[in-house]
Amino acid sequence: MLTSPISKWDDAAAYFTFADNPTMIMGILALSAVVVAASIIFGSFHEKECYMKVTKNGH
């Protein structure tokens, strides 16, 4: 299926903002890992709190 609006790739170019800066890439990776870990931790605390409320009111 040919759905690409580009018909020729001869003059195509790509721009990678931090491709030549490994420190920035590692910083962004570390930041994203912290955000994911914090989301999992805070989500588990919230789920535990909600579960305790439901089981306390259910019995």
N, C-alpha and C. Protein backbone atom coordinates (compact mmCIF):
# COMPACT_ATOMS: atom_id res chain seq x y z
N MET A 1 0.85 -1.16 0.00
CA MET A 1 0.00 0.00 0.00
C MET A 1 0.90 1.23 0.00
N LEU A 2 0.80 2.07 -0.98
CA LEU A 2 1.62 3.26 -1.11
C LEU A 2 0.85 4.48 -0.62
N THR A 3 1.00 4.79 0.66
CA THR A 3 0.26 5.91 1.24
C THR A 3 1.17 7.10 1.58
N SER A 4 2.45 6.99 1.30
CA SER A 4 3.38 8.06 1.63
C SER A 4 3.24 9.22 0.64
N PRO A 5 3.21 10.47 1.15
CA PRO A 5 3.13 11.61 0.24
C PRO A 5 4.48 11.91 -0.43
N ILE A 6 5.55 11.26 0.03
CA ILE A 6 6.87 11.49 -0.53
C ILE A 6 7.10 10.50 -1.67
N SER A 7 7.41 11.03 -2.84
CA SER A 7 7.62 10.15 -4.00
C SER A 7 9.10 9.88 -4.26
N LYS A 8 9.99 10.81 -3.86
CA LYS A 8 11.42 10.64 -4.05
C LYS A 8 12.14 10.88 -2.73
N TRP A 9 13.14 10.07 -2.44
CA TRP A 9 13.89 10.19 -1.19
C TRP A 9 15.29 10.76 -1.44
N ASP A 10 15.54 11.30 -2.62
CA ASP A 10 16.88 11.78 -2.97
C ASP A 10 17.33 12.94 -2.09
N ASP A 11 16.48 13.89 -1.82
CA ASP A 11 16.86 15.06 -1.04
C ASP A 11 16.36 15.00 0.41
N ALA A 12 16.01 13.83 0.87
CA ALA A 12 15.50 13.71 2.24
C ALA A 12 16.63 13.93 3.24
N ALA A 13 16.33 14.59 4.33
CA ALA A 13 17.31 14.84 5.38
C ALA A 13 16.64 14.64 6.73
N ALA A 14 17.43 14.28 7.69
CA ALA A 14 16.92 14.09 9.05
C ALA A 14 17.72 14.96 9.99
N TYR A 15 17.05 15.52 10.98
CA TYR A 15 17.70 16.36 11.97
C TYR A 15 17.48 15.75 13.35
N PHE A 16 18.56 15.36 13.97
CA PHE A 16 18.51 14.80 15.31
C PHE A 16 19.09 15.84 16.27
N THR A 17 18.28 16.35 17.16
CA THR A 17 18.65 17.48 17.98
C THR A 17 19.86 17.19 18.88
N PHE A 18 19.84 16.07 19.58
CA PHE A 18 20.91 15.77 20.53
C PHE A 18 21.73 14.55 20.10
N ALA A 19 21.79 14.23 18.83
CA ALA A 19 22.47 13.03 18.37
C ALA A 19 23.96 13.06 18.66
N ASP A 20 24.57 14.23 18.71
CA ASP A 20 26.00 14.30 18.94
C ASP A 20 26.37 14.59 20.40
N ASN A 21 25.40 14.50 21.30
CA ASN A 21 25.63 14.82 22.71
C ASN A 21 25.15 13.65 23.58
N PRO A 22 26.03 12.67 23.84
CA PRO A 22 25.61 11.50 24.64
C PRO A 22 25.17 11.86 26.06
N THR A 23 25.71 12.93 26.62
CA THR A 23 25.31 13.33 27.96
C THR A 23 23.84 13.74 27.99
N MET A 24 23.41 14.49 27.00
CA MET A 24 22.01 14.91 26.93
C MET A 24 21.10 13.72 26.69
N ILE A 25 21.52 12.79 25.85
CA ILE A 25 20.71 11.59 25.60
C ILE A 25 20.55 10.78 26.89
N MET A 26 21.64 10.61 27.64
CA MET A 26 21.56 9.87 28.89
C MET A 26 20.71 10.62 29.92
N GLY A 27 20.78 11.95 29.91
CA GLY A 27 19.95 12.74 30.83
C GLY A 27 18.47 12.59 30.52
N ILE A 28 18.13 12.63 29.25
CA ILE A 28 16.72 12.45 28.86
C ILE A 28 16.26 11.03 29.18
N LEU A 29 17.11 10.04 28.96
CA LEU A 29 16.78 8.66 29.30
C LEU A 29 16.57 8.50 30.80
N ALA A 30 17.44 9.10 31.60
CA ALA A 30 17.31 9.03 33.06
C ALA A 30 16.03 9.72 33.53
N LEU A 31 15.74 10.87 32.95
CA LEU A 31 14.52 11.59 33.31
C LEU A 31 13.27 10.78 32.97
N SER A 32 13.27 10.15 31.81
CA SER A 32 12.11 9.34 31.44
C SER A 32 11.99 8.11 32.33
N ALA A 33 13.11 7.53 32.75
CA ALA A 33 13.07 6.38 33.66
C ALA A 33 12.51 6.79 35.02
N VAL A 34 12.89 7.97 35.50
CA VAL A 34 12.37 8.47 36.78
C VAL A 34 10.87 8.72 36.68
N VAL A 35 10.41 9.28 35.58
CA VAL A 35 8.98 9.55 35.40
C VAL A 35 8.19 8.24 35.36
N VAL A 36 8.70 7.24 34.67
CA VAL A 36 8.01 5.94 34.61
C VAL A 36 7.98 5.29 35.98
N ALA A 37 9.11 5.28 36.68
CA ALA A 37 9.16 4.67 38.01
C ALA A 37 8.23 5.39 38.99
N ALA A 38 8.22 6.73 38.95
CA ALA A 38 7.34 7.50 39.83
C ALA A 38 5.87 7.22 39.51
N SER A 39 5.53 7.07 38.24
CA SER A 39 4.15 6.76 37.86
C SER A 39 3.73 5.41 38.41
N ILE A 40 4.61 4.44 38.33
CA ILE A 40 4.28 3.11 38.85
C ILE A 40 4.14 3.14 40.36
N ILE A 41 5.05 3.82 41.05
CA ILE A 41 5.00 3.87 42.52
C ILE A 41 3.76 4.61 43.00
N PHE A 42 3.51 5.81 42.47
CA PHE A 42 2.34 6.56 42.90
C PHE A 42 1.04 5.87 42.51
N GLY A 43 1.04 5.21 41.37
CA GLY A 43 -0.14 4.45 40.95
C GLY A 43 -0.42 3.29 41.89
N SER A 44 0.63 2.60 42.32
CA SER A 44 0.42 1.48 43.24
C SER A 44 -0.07 1.96 44.60
N PHE A 45 0.43 3.11 45.08
CA PHE A 45 -0.08 3.67 46.34
C PHE A 45 -1.57 4.03 46.21
N HIS A 46 -1.94 4.62 45.10
CA HIS A 46 -3.33 5.01 44.88
C HIS A 46 -4.23 3.77 44.81
N GLU A 47 -3.78 2.75 44.09
CA GLU A 47 -4.59 1.54 43.99
C GLU A 47 -4.74 0.86 45.34
N LYS A 48 -3.68 0.84 46.13
CA LYS A 48 -3.76 0.22 47.46
C LYS A 48 -4.75 0.99 48.34
N GLU A 49 -4.69 2.33 48.29
CA GLU A 49 -5.61 3.15 49.07
C GLU A 49 -7.06 2.91 48.65
N CYS A 50 -7.31 2.87 47.36
CA CYS A 50 -8.67 2.63 46.87
C CYS A 50 -9.16 1.24 47.25
N TYR A 51 -8.27 0.25 47.18
CA TYR A 51 -8.65 -1.11 47.55
C TYR A 51 -9.02 -1.17 49.03
N MET A 52 -8.26 -0.47 49.87
CA MET A 52 -8.56 -0.48 51.30
C MET A 52 -9.91 0.19 51.57
N LYS A 53 -10.22 1.27 50.87
CA LYS A 53 -11.52 1.94 51.05
C LYS A 53 -12.66 1.03 50.62
N VAL A 54 -12.49 0.34 49.50
CA VAL A 54 -13.56 -0.52 48.99
C VAL A 54 -13.77 -1.71 49.92
N THR A 55 -12.69 -2.33 50.39
CA THR A 55 -12.86 -3.51 51.25
C THR A 55 -13.37 -3.12 52.63
N LYS A 56 -13.03 -1.93 53.12
CA LYS A 56 -13.55 -1.49 54.42
C LYS A 56 -15.04 -1.19 54.33
N ASN A 57 -15.49 -0.55 53.25
CA ASN A 57 -16.90 -0.22 53.09
C ASN A 57 -17.72 -1.40 52.63
N GLY A 58 -17.10 -2.38 52.01
CA GLY A 58 -17.83 -3.52 51.49
C GLY A 58 -18.21 -4.54 52.55
N HIS A 59 -17.53 -4.54 53.70
CA HIS A 59 -17.83 -5.54 54.72
C HIS A 59 -18.36 -4.95 55.95
